[in-house]
């Protein structure tokens, strides 16, 4: 008996098919803009996480192009309240818990290079202040 390509059985009417995907939906243009601003950063890596593309400095997340739109920025938790009060950022909520030190900034608030540069610098300077992960 010859073994050929496996032919899938036809689905019965009304069958539900589960499809798994590791695809992460995020704004690729925004990710490119972040990448450009971090050009030359030592020990920079990119990793798909938190539903987007994260940029890590020394193994610590600095900023991510979020799958929810905009950016997710890691900042000093002691700065969270002041940044929320003085900018359009809001504290990120993960698993129904507010996470001081993790801020969400909408796409509209990082449209200009200057606006994005501020958040990239805040995130990358905080990541550099942490012990490097190996």
N, C-alpha and C. Protein backbone atom coordinates (compact mmCIF):
# COMPACT_ATOMS: atom_id res chain seq x y z
N UNK A 1 0.85 -1.17 0.00
CA UNK A 1 0.00 0.00 0.00
C UNK A 1 0.89 1.24 0.00
N UNK A 2 0.63 2.10 -0.92
CA UNK A 2 1.43 3.31 -1.07
C UNK A 2 0.91 4.40 -0.15
N UNK A 3 1.84 5.12 0.45
CA UNK A 3 1.45 6.20 1.35
C UNK A 3 1.55 7.52 0.61
N UNK A 4 0.45 8.17 0.41
CA UNK A 4 0.43 9.45 -0.30
C UNK A 4 0.07 10.57 0.67
N UNK A 5 -0.16 11.75 0.15
CA UNK A 5 -0.54 12.86 1.02
C UNK A 5 -1.87 12.59 1.70
N UNK A 6 -1.96 13.01 2.92
CA UNK A 6 -3.18 12.82 3.70
C UNK A 6 -4.26 13.76 3.18
N UNK A 7 -5.42 13.20 2.92
CA UNK A 7 -6.54 13.99 2.44
C UNK A 7 -7.49 14.20 3.61
N UNK A 8 -7.76 15.46 3.97
CA UNK A 8 -8.64 15.70 5.11
C UNK A 8 -10.06 15.25 4.80
N UNK A 9 -10.72 14.76 5.84
CA UNK A 9 -12.12 14.38 5.68
C UNK A 9 -12.96 15.64 5.57
N UNK A 10 -14.03 15.59 4.79
CA UNK A 10 -14.91 16.76 4.70
C UNK A 10 -15.59 17.01 6.05
N UNK A 11 -15.81 18.27 6.35
CA UNK A 11 -16.49 18.64 7.60
C UNK A 11 -17.98 18.41 7.46
N UNK A 12 -18.59 18.00 8.54
CA UNK A 12 -20.04 17.87 8.52
C UNK A 12 -20.64 19.26 8.66
N UNK A 13 -21.83 19.47 8.13
CA UNK A 13 -22.47 20.80 8.22
C UNK A 13 -22.59 21.23 9.68
N UNK A 14 -22.25 22.48 9.93
CA UNK A 14 -22.35 23.04 11.28
C UNK A 14 -21.17 22.74 12.18
N UNK A 15 -20.15 22.04 11.65
CA UNK A 15 -18.98 21.71 12.47
C UNK A 15 -18.22 22.98 12.82
N UNK A 16 -17.68 23.01 14.02
CA UNK A 16 -16.88 24.14 14.48
C UNK A 16 -15.42 23.73 14.42
N UNK A 17 -14.61 24.58 13.82
CA UNK A 17 -13.20 24.29 13.69
C UNK A 17 -12.42 25.29 14.52
N UNK A 18 -11.56 24.79 15.40
CA UNK A 18 -10.71 25.67 16.19
C UNK A 18 -9.40 25.86 15.44
N UNK A 19 -8.99 27.10 15.32
CA UNK A 19 -7.73 27.41 14.65
C UNK A 19 -6.84 28.10 15.65
N UNK A 20 -5.64 27.57 15.79
CA UNK A 20 -4.67 28.19 16.68
C UNK A 20 -3.75 29.06 15.87
N UNK A 21 -3.45 30.20 16.42
CA UNK A 21 -2.55 31.10 15.71
C UNK A 21 -1.63 31.77 16.72
N UNK A 22 -0.37 31.83 16.39
CA UNK A 22 0.58 32.55 17.23
C UNK A 22 0.81 33.95 16.69
N UNK A 23 0.02 34.34 15.72
CA UNK A 23 0.17 35.66 15.13
C UNK A 23 -0.16 36.74 16.16
N UNK A 24 0.62 37.77 16.15
CA UNK A 24 0.40 38.89 17.05
C UNK A 24 0.06 40.09 16.19
N UNK A 25 -1.08 40.70 16.46
CA UNK A 25 -1.50 41.85 15.68
C UNK A 25 -1.05 43.12 16.38
N UNK A 26 -0.21 43.88 15.74
CA UNK A 26 0.24 45.17 16.26
C UNK A 26 0.54 46.05 15.07
N UNK A 27 0.66 47.33 15.31
CA UNK A 27 0.93 48.30 14.26
C UNK A 27 2.40 48.20 13.85
N UNK A 28 2.64 47.60 12.69
CA UNK A 28 4.01 47.39 12.24
C UNK A 28 4.73 48.71 11.94
N UNK A 29 3.98 49.71 11.49
CA UNK A 29 4.59 51.03 11.24
C UNK A 29 5.07 51.63 12.56
N UNK A 30 4.25 51.52 13.59
CA UNK A 30 4.63 52.03 14.91
C UNK A 30 5.86 51.27 15.43
N UNK A 31 5.87 49.96 15.24
CA UNK A 31 7.03 49.16 15.68
C UNK A 31 8.29 49.62 14.95
N UNK A 32 8.17 49.92 13.66
CA UNK A 32 9.33 50.41 12.89
C UNK A 32 9.81 51.75 13.41
N UNK A 33 8.87 52.62 13.76
CA UNK A 33 9.24 53.93 14.31
C UNK A 33 9.96 53.78 15.65
N UNK A 34 9.48 52.86 16.48
CA UNK A 34 10.16 52.60 17.77
C UNK A 34 11.56 52.06 17.51
N UNK A 35 11.66 51.10 16.59
CA UNK A 35 12.95 50.49 16.24
C UNK A 35 13.95 51.57 15.79
N UNK A 36 13.49 52.50 14.96
CA UNK A 36 14.35 53.58 14.48
C UNK A 36 14.86 54.43 15.65
N UNK A 37 13.97 54.72 16.59
CA UNK A 37 14.37 55.56 17.72
C UNK A 37 15.32 54.84 18.66
N UNK A 38 15.26 53.52 18.66
CA UNK A 38 16.15 52.75 19.54
C UNK A 38 17.43 52.30 18.83
N UNK A 39 17.59 52.70 17.57
CA UNK A 39 18.79 52.32 16.82
C UNK A 39 20.02 52.77 17.61
N UNK A 40 20.96 51.88 17.74
CA UNK A 40 22.18 52.20 18.48
C UNK A 40 22.10 51.86 19.96
N UNK A 41 20.93 51.49 20.45
CA UNK A 41 20.78 51.10 21.86
C UNK A 41 21.52 49.78 22.07
N UNK A 42 22.37 49.75 23.08
CA UNK A 42 23.11 48.53 23.38
C UNK A 42 22.18 47.48 23.98
N UNK A 43 22.44 46.24 23.67
CA UNK A 43 21.72 45.10 24.24
C UNK A 43 20.21 45.18 24.01
N UNK A 44 19.82 45.56 22.80
CA UNK A 44 18.42 45.68 22.43
C UNK A 44 17.94 44.38 21.79
N UNK A 45 16.80 43.89 22.23
CA UNK A 45 16.17 42.73 21.60
C UNK A 45 14.69 43.03 21.39
N UNK A 46 14.10 42.28 20.50
CA UNK A 46 12.66 42.39 20.24
C UNK A 46 12.05 41.04 20.54
N UNK A 47 10.85 41.09 21.10
CA UNK A 47 10.18 39.84 21.46
C UNK A 47 8.67 40.03 21.38
N UNK A 48 7.99 39.07 20.79
CA UNK A 48 6.53 39.13 20.76
C UNK A 48 6.03 38.76 22.16
N UNK A 49 5.34 39.70 22.77
CA UNK A 49 4.79 39.48 24.10
C UNK A 49 3.72 40.51 24.40
N UNK A 50 2.89 40.24 25.39
CA UNK A 50 1.81 41.15 25.79
C UNK A 50 0.93 41.54 24.60
N UNK A 51 0.76 40.63 23.65
CA UNK A 51 -0.10 40.91 22.52
C UNK A 51 0.49 41.91 21.52
N UNK A 52 1.78 42.09 21.55
CA UNK A 52 2.41 43.02 20.63
C UNK A 52 3.87 42.69 20.43
N UNK A 53 4.64 43.67 20.00
CA UNK A 53 6.07 43.51 19.81
C UNK A 53 6.79 44.38 20.83
N UNK A 54 7.48 43.72 21.76
CA UNK A 54 8.17 44.43 22.83
C UNK A 54 9.62 44.66 22.47
N UNK A 55 10.15 45.77 22.94
CA UNK A 55 11.56 46.11 22.78
C UNK A 55 12.18 46.07 24.16
N UNK A 56 13.19 45.21 24.31
CA UNK A 56 13.83 45.00 25.61
C UNK A 56 15.25 45.55 25.58
N UNK A 57 15.63 46.19 26.66
CA UNK A 57 16.98 46.71 26.82
C UNK A 57 17.58 45.96 28.01
N UNK A 58 18.66 45.24 27.76
CA UNK A 58 19.26 44.44 28.83
C UNK A 58 18.32 43.36 29.33
N UNK A 59 17.41 42.90 28.47
CA UNK A 59 16.46 41.87 28.86
C UNK A 59 15.24 42.39 29.59
N UNK A 60 15.17 43.70 29.81
CA UNK A 60 14.03 44.32 30.49
C UNK A 60 13.18 45.07 29.48
N UNK A 61 11.86 44.84 29.53
CA UNK A 61 10.99 45.52 28.58
C UNK A 61 11.02 47.02 28.79
N UNK A 62 11.14 47.75 27.69
CA UNK A 62 11.14 49.21 27.73
C UNK A 62 9.82 49.74 27.17
N UNK A 63 9.45 49.26 26.00
CA UNK A 63 8.25 49.75 25.31
C UNK A 63 7.80 48.68 24.34
N UNK A 64 6.51 48.66 24.04
CA UNK A 64 5.98 47.70 23.08
C UNK A 64 4.98 48.37 22.18
N UNK A 65 4.98 47.96 20.92
CA UNK A 65 3.88 48.30 20.01
C UNK A 65 2.78 47.31 20.40
N UNK A 66 1.73 47.82 20.98
CA UNK A 66 0.71 46.98 21.59
C UNK A 66 -0.28 46.42 20.58
N UNK A 67 -0.70 45.20 20.80
CA UNK A 67 -1.75 44.59 20.01
C UNK A 67 -3.10 45.26 20.23
N UNK A 68 -3.20 46.05 21.31
CA UNK A 68 -4.42 46.80 21.60
C UNK A 68 -4.38 48.19 20.99
N UNK A 69 -3.32 48.48 20.26
CA UNK A 69 -3.14 49.81 19.68
C UNK A 69 -2.26 50.65 20.58
N UNK A 70 -1.55 51.58 20.00
CA UNK A 70 -0.67 52.44 20.78
C UNK A 70 0.52 51.68 21.33
N UNK A 71 1.02 52.20 22.46
CA UNK A 71 2.19 51.59 23.07
C UNK A 71 1.93 51.24 24.53
N UNK A 72 2.69 50.25 24.97
CA UNK A 72 2.74 49.88 26.38
C UNK A 72 4.15 50.24 26.82
N UNK A 73 4.27 51.11 27.81
CA UNK A 73 5.57 51.63 28.23
C UNK A 73 5.82 51.24 29.68
N UNK A 74 7.03 50.77 29.94
CA UNK A 74 7.41 50.45 31.31
C UNK A 74 8.17 51.64 31.86
N UNK A 75 7.69 52.16 33.00
CA UNK A 75 8.32 53.33 33.63
C UNK A 75 8.54 53.03 35.10
N UNK A 76 9.27 53.90 35.75
CA UNK A 76 9.46 53.78 37.19
C UNK A 76 8.09 53.87 37.85
N UNK A 77 7.69 52.86 38.65
CA UNK A 77 6.38 52.90 39.29
C UNK A 77 6.15 54.17 40.10
N UNK A 78 7.20 54.75 40.64
CA UNK A 78 7.07 55.99 41.42
C UNK A 78 6.65 57.17 40.53
N UNK A 79 6.83 57.06 39.22
CA UNK A 79 6.45 58.12 38.27
C UNK A 79 5.05 57.93 37.70
N UNK A 80 4.44 56.77 37.90
CA UNK A 80 3.16 56.45 37.26
C UNK A 80 2.10 57.50 37.51
N UNK A 81 1.84 57.84 38.76
CA UNK A 81 0.76 58.78 39.08
C UNK A 81 0.99 60.14 38.42
N UNK A 82 2.22 60.63 38.47
CA UNK A 82 2.52 61.93 37.87
C UNK A 82 2.33 61.89 36.36
N UNK A 83 2.79 60.82 35.71
CA UNK A 83 2.65 60.71 34.26
C UNK A 83 1.19 60.60 33.85
N UNK A 84 0.41 59.86 34.61
CA UNK A 84 -1.02 59.74 34.31
C UNK A 84 -1.71 61.10 34.48
N UNK A 85 -1.30 61.87 35.49
CA UNK A 85 -1.92 63.17 35.75
C UNK A 85 -1.52 64.23 34.73
N UNK A 86 -0.35 64.10 34.12
CA UNK A 86 0.16 65.17 33.26
C UNK A 86 0.21 64.81 31.77
N UNK A 87 -0.17 63.59 31.41
CA UNK A 87 -0.16 63.17 30.01
C UNK A 87 -1.46 62.43 29.70
N UNK A 88 -1.55 61.92 28.50
CA UNK A 88 -2.72 61.13 28.10
C UNK A 88 -2.56 59.66 28.48
N UNK A 89 -1.46 59.30 29.12
CA UNK A 89 -1.21 57.90 29.49
C UNK A 89 -2.18 57.46 30.58
N UNK A 90 -2.40 56.16 30.63
CA UNK A 90 -3.20 55.58 31.71
C UNK A 90 -2.50 54.32 32.19
N UNK A 91 -2.74 53.98 33.43
CA UNK A 91 -2.12 52.78 34.00
C UNK A 91 -2.68 51.56 33.27
N UNK A 92 -1.81 50.67 32.88
CA UNK A 92 -2.23 49.44 32.20
C UNK A 92 -2.93 48.52 33.21
N UNK A 93 -3.92 47.81 32.72
CA UNK A 93 -4.63 46.84 33.54
C UNK A 93 -4.38 45.47 32.94
N UNK A 94 -3.82 44.58 33.74
CA UNK A 94 -3.53 43.22 33.29
C UNK A 94 -4.22 42.25 34.22
N UNK A 95 -5.00 41.37 33.63
CA UNK A 95 -5.79 40.41 34.41
C UNK A 95 -6.61 41.10 35.49
N UNK A 96 -7.26 42.17 35.09
CA UNK A 96 -8.15 42.96 35.95
C UNK A 96 -7.43 43.66 37.09
N UNK A 97 -6.10 43.79 37.01
CA UNK A 97 -5.33 44.48 38.06
C UNK A 97 -4.59 45.66 37.46
N UNK A 98 -4.75 46.85 38.06
CA UNK A 98 -3.93 47.99 37.61
C UNK A 98 -2.46 47.70 37.92
N UNK A 99 -1.59 48.04 37.00
CA UNK A 99 -0.16 47.75 37.12
C UNK A 99 0.66 49.03 37.10
N UNK A 100 0.85 49.66 38.27
CA UNK A 100 1.70 50.86 38.30
C UNK A 100 3.07 50.54 37.70
N UNK A 101 3.58 51.46 36.91
CA UNK A 101 4.85 51.23 36.24
C UNK A 101 4.67 50.73 34.82
N UNK A 102 3.45 50.40 34.45
CA UNK A 102 3.13 49.97 33.09
C UNK A 102 2.05 50.90 32.58
N UNK A 103 2.35 51.68 31.56
CA UNK A 103 1.41 52.68 31.06
C UNK A 103 1.02 52.40 29.62
N UNK A 104 -0.24 52.67 29.31
CA UNK A 104 -0.74 52.57 27.94
C UNK A 104 -0.88 53.99 27.39
N UNK A 105 -0.42 54.16 26.17
CA UNK A 105 -0.54 55.45 25.47
C UNK A 105 -1.16 55.14 24.11
N UNK A 106 -2.27 55.79 23.81
CA UNK A 106 -3.00 55.54 22.57
C UNK A 106 -2.20 55.99 21.34
N UNK A 107 -2.54 55.38 20.22
CA UNK A 107 -1.89 55.68 18.94
C UNK A 107 -1.92 57.18 18.63
N UNK A 108 -3.06 57.83 18.89
CA UNK A 108 -3.19 59.26 18.59
C UNK A 108 -2.17 60.10 19.36
N UNK A 109 -1.72 59.58 20.49
CA UNK A 109 -0.81 60.34 21.35
C UNK A 109 0.67 60.04 21.09
N UNK A 110 0.95 59.23 20.06
CA UNK A 110 2.34 58.97 19.67
C UNK A 110 2.51 59.12 18.15
N UNK A 111 1.66 59.95 17.55
CA UNK A 111 1.71 60.15 16.10
C UNK A 111 2.98 60.89 15.66
N UNK A 112 3.38 61.89 16.42
CA UNK A 112 4.58 62.64 16.03
C UNK A 112 5.83 61.93 16.57
N UNK A 113 6.95 62.20 15.90
CA UNK A 113 8.22 61.63 16.35
C UNK A 113 8.56 62.11 17.75
N UNK A 114 8.27 63.37 18.04
CA UNK A 114 8.57 63.91 19.36
C UNK A 114 7.76 63.25 20.46
N UNK A 115 6.47 63.02 20.19
CA UNK A 115 5.62 62.36 21.19
C UNK A 115 6.12 60.94 21.45
N UNK A 116 6.41 60.22 20.38
CA UNK A 116 6.90 58.85 20.53
C UNK A 116 8.26 58.84 21.22
N UNK A 117 9.13 59.78 20.84
CA UNK A 117 10.48 59.83 21.43
C UNK A 117 10.43 59.98 22.94
N UNK A 118 9.48 60.75 23.43
CA UNK A 118 9.37 60.93 24.89
C UNK A 118 9.12 59.59 25.57
N UNK A 119 8.18 58.79 25.04
CA UNK A 119 7.84 57.51 25.66
C UNK A 119 8.94 56.48 25.46
N UNK A 120 9.59 56.50 24.30
CA UNK A 120 10.71 55.58 24.07
C UNK A 120 11.82 55.87 25.07
N UNK A 121 12.11 57.14 25.30
CA UNK A 121 13.17 57.51 26.24
C UNK A 121 12.80 57.14 27.67
N UNK A 122 11.56 57.40 28.07
CA UNK A 122 11.14 57.02 29.42
C UNK A 122 11.27 55.52 29.63
N UNK A 123 10.78 54.75 28.66
CA UNK A 123 10.84 53.29 28.80
C UNK A 123 12.25 52.75 28.76
N UNK A 124 13.06 53.23 27.83
CA UNK A 124 14.42 52.71 27.70
C UNK A 124 15.31 53.14 28.86
N UNK A 125 15.13 54.36 29.37
CA UNK A 125 15.96 54.78 30.50
C UNK A 125 15.60 53.97 31.75
N UNK A 126 14.31 53.66 31.93
CA UNK A 126 13.94 52.83 33.09
C UNK A 126 14.49 51.41 32.92
N UNK A 127 14.38 50.86 31.71
CA UNK A 127 14.91 49.50 31.48
C UNK A 127 16.41 49.45 31.73
N UNK A 128 17.14 50.50 31.32
CA UNK A 128 18.59 50.54 31.57
C UNK A 128 18.91 50.64 33.04
N UNK A 129 18.01 51.18 33.85
CA UNK A 129 18.27 51.35 35.28
C UNK A 129 18.12 50.04 36.06
N UNK A 130 17.52 49.04 35.43
CA UNK A 130 17.29 47.75 36.09
C UNK A 130 18.47 46.82 35.86
N UNK A 131 18.67 45.85 36.75
CA UNK A 131 19.74 44.87 36.50
C UNK A 131 19.46 44.12 35.21
N UNK A 132 20.51 43.93 34.41
CA UNK A 132 20.34 43.21 33.14
C UNK A 132 19.99 41.76 33.42
N UNK A 133 19.11 41.24 32.58
CA UNK A 133 18.74 39.82 32.67
C UNK A 133 19.60 39.05 31.68
N UNK A 134 20.09 37.93 32.10
CA UNK A 134 20.94 37.14 31.19
C UNK A 134 20.21 35.94 30.66
